[in-house]
Amino acid sequence: MKSFIFFTNEGFTQDPNNKEISNMQILDTGNGNGILEAFKNFKHNQSHLSEFSFTEVIAVEYIGDFIRHLEL
């Protein structure tokens, strides 16, 4: 199985003080034998994302450990 991270450059986020930040939004990860299978699994597992209007999703394969929830 290959692992992919899915993200978009649409939208924005805010810091804890409500200051707007233009950045890329990490949507989640997905696994599959290839990118299309991983994207299908990602859409199934994250079906709540269909409620949003993202139209440009980017995928990158990653190899090795993936670290989440780091704090600056």
C-alpha atoms as a PDB file:
ATOM      1  CA  MET A   1       0.000   0.000   0.000  1.00  0.00           C
ATOM      2  CA  LYS A   2       1.111   3.526  -0.757  1.00  0.00           C
ATOM      3  CA  SER A   3       0.335   6.496   1.481  1.00  0.00           C
ATOM      4  CA  PHE A   4      -0.718   9.946   0.268  1.00  0.00           C
ATOM      5  CA  ILE A   5      -1.431  13.271   1.913  1.00  0.00           C
ATOM      6  CA  PHE A   6      -4.277  15.310   0.407  1.00  0.00           C
ATOM      7  CA  PHE A   7      -4.361  19.088   0.668  1.00  0.00           C
ATOM      8  CA  THR A   8      -5.642  22.225  -1.049  1.00  0.00           C
ATOM      9  CA  ASN A   9      -4.513  25.815  -1.445  1.00  0.00           C
ATOM     10  CA  GLU A  10      -8.109  27.025  -1.482  1.00  0.00           C
ATOM     11  CA  GLY A  11      -9.442  28.833   1.541  1.00  0.00           C
ATOM     12  CA  PHE A  12      -7.683  30.226   4.580  1.00  0.00           C
ATOM     13  CA  THR A  13      -7.413  29.655   8.285  1.00  0.00           C
ATOM     14  CA  GLN A  14      -7.016  31.781  11.387  1.00  0.00           C
ATOM     15  CA  ASP A  15      -4.511  31.822  14.218  1.00  0.00           C
ATOM     16  CA  PRO A  16      -5.721  31.717  17.854  1.00  0.00           C
ATOM     17  CA  ASN A  17      -6.119  35.533  17.759  1.00  0.00           C
ATOM     18  CA  ASN A  18      -8.433  35.299  14.695  1.00  0.00           C
ATOM     19  CA  LYS A  19      -5.793  36.730  12.336  1.00  0.00           C
ATOM     20  CA  GLU A  20      -6.375  35.378   8.811  1.00  0.00           C
ATOM     21  CA  ILE A  21      -3.563  33.303   7.322  1.00  0.00           C
ATOM     22  CA  SER A  22      -3.361  32.324   3.642  1.00  0.00           C
ATOM     23  CA  ASN A  23      -1.919  28.834   3.513  1.00  0.00           C
ATOM     24  CA  MET A  24      -2.520  25.291   2.361  1.00  0.00           C
ATOM     25  CA  GLN A  25      -5.157  23.212   4.113  1.00  0.00           C
ATOM     26  CA  ILE A  26      -4.206  19.625   4.909  1.00  0.00           C
ATOM     27  CA  LEU A  27      -7.390  17.614   4.413  1.00  0.00           C
ATOM     28  CA  ASP A  28      -6.147  14.175   5.509  1.00  0.00           C
ATOM     29  CA  THR A  29      -4.278  11.107   4.323  1.00  0.00           C
ATOM     30  CA  GLY A  30      -5.297   8.112   2.245  1.00  0.00           C
ATOM     31  CA  ASN A  31      -3.874   4.708   1.365  1.00  0.00           C
ATOM     32  CA  GLY A  32      -4.141   2.597  -1.760  1.00  0.00           C
ATOM     33  CA  ASN A  33      -2.214   0.644  -4.361  1.00  0.00           C
ATOM     34  CA  GLY A  34      -2.054   3.850  -6.402  1.00  0.00           C
ATOM     35  CA  ILE A  35      -3.070   7.484  -6.192  1.00  0.00           C
ATOM     36  CA  LEU A  36      -6.584   6.974  -7.589  1.00  0.00           C
ATOM     37  CA  GLU A  37      -7.380   4.156  -5.148  1.00  0.00           C
ATOM     38  CA  ALA A  38      -5.962   6.235  -2.285  1.00  0.00           C
ATOM     39  CA  PHE A  39      -8.090   9.217  -3.355  1.00  0.00           C
ATOM     40  CA  LYS A  40     -11.192   7.015  -3.511  1.00  0.00           C
ATOM     41  CA  ASN A  41     -10.462   5.723   0.008  1.00  0.00           C
ATOM     42  CA  PHE A  42      -9.744   9.252   1.226  1.00  0.00           C
ATOM     43  CA  LYS A  43     -13.118  10.489  -0.134  1.00  0.00           C
ATOM     44  CA  HIS A  44     -14.924   7.541   1.463  1.00  0.00           C
ATOM     45  CA  ASN A  45     -13.253   7.958   4.861  1.00  0.00           C
ATOM     46  CA  GLN A  46     -13.597  11.755   4.847  1.00  0.00           C
ATOM     47  CA  SER A  47     -17.063  11.989   3.279  1.00  0.00           C
ATOM     48  CA  HIS A  48     -17.892  15.030   5.454  1.00  0.00           C
ATOM     49  CA  LEU A  49     -15.496  17.056   3.259  1.00  0.00           C
ATOM     50  CA  SER A  50     -18.037  16.897   0.417  1.00  0.00           C
ATOM     51  CA  GLU A  51     -20.003  19.523   2.381  1.00  0.00           C
ATOM     52  CA  PHE A  52     -17.226  22.026   1.592  1.00  0.00           C
ATOM     53  CA  SER A  53     -16.555  23.664  -1.772  1.00  0.00           C
ATOM     54  CA  PHE A  54     -12.957  22.553  -2.345  1.00  0.00           C
ATOM     55  CA  THR A  55     -12.420  21.875  -6.050  1.00  0.00           C
ATOM     56  CA  GLU A  56      -8.623  21.666  -6.262  1.00  0.00           C
ATOM     57  CA  VAL A  57      -7.209  18.847  -4.156  1.00  0.00           C
ATOM     58  CA  ILE A  58      -3.492  18.075  -4.403  1.00  0.00           C
ATOM     59  CA  ALA A  59      -1.928  14.720  -3.495  1.00  0.00           C
ATOM     60  CA  VAL A  60       1.653  13.843  -2.590  1.00  0.00           C
ATOM     61  CA  GLU A  61       2.912  10.370  -1.801  1.00  0.00           C
ATOM     62  CA  TYR A  62       4.852  10.109   1.423  1.00  0.00           C
ATOM     63  CA  ILE A  63       7.202   7.396   2.559  1.00  0.00           C
ATOM     64  CA  GLY A  64       8.080   6.690   6.163  1.00  0.00           C
ATOM     65  CA  ASP A  65       6.752   8.198   9.342  1.00  0.00           C
ATOM     66  CA  PHE A  66       4.188  10.964   9.274  1.00  0.00           C
ATOM     67  CA  ILE A  67       4.184  13.207  12.325  1.00  0.00           C
ATOM     68  CA  ARG A  68       1.004  15.030  13.347  1.00  0.00           C
ATOM     69  CA  HIS A  69       0.054  17.507  16.066  1.00  0.00           C
ATOM     70  CA  LEU A  70       3.390  19.271  16.392  1.00  0.00           C
ATOM     71  CA  GLU A  71       3.255  22.642  18.099  1.00  0.00           C
ATOM     72  CA  LEU A  72       5.272  25.737  17.094  1.00  0.00           C
END
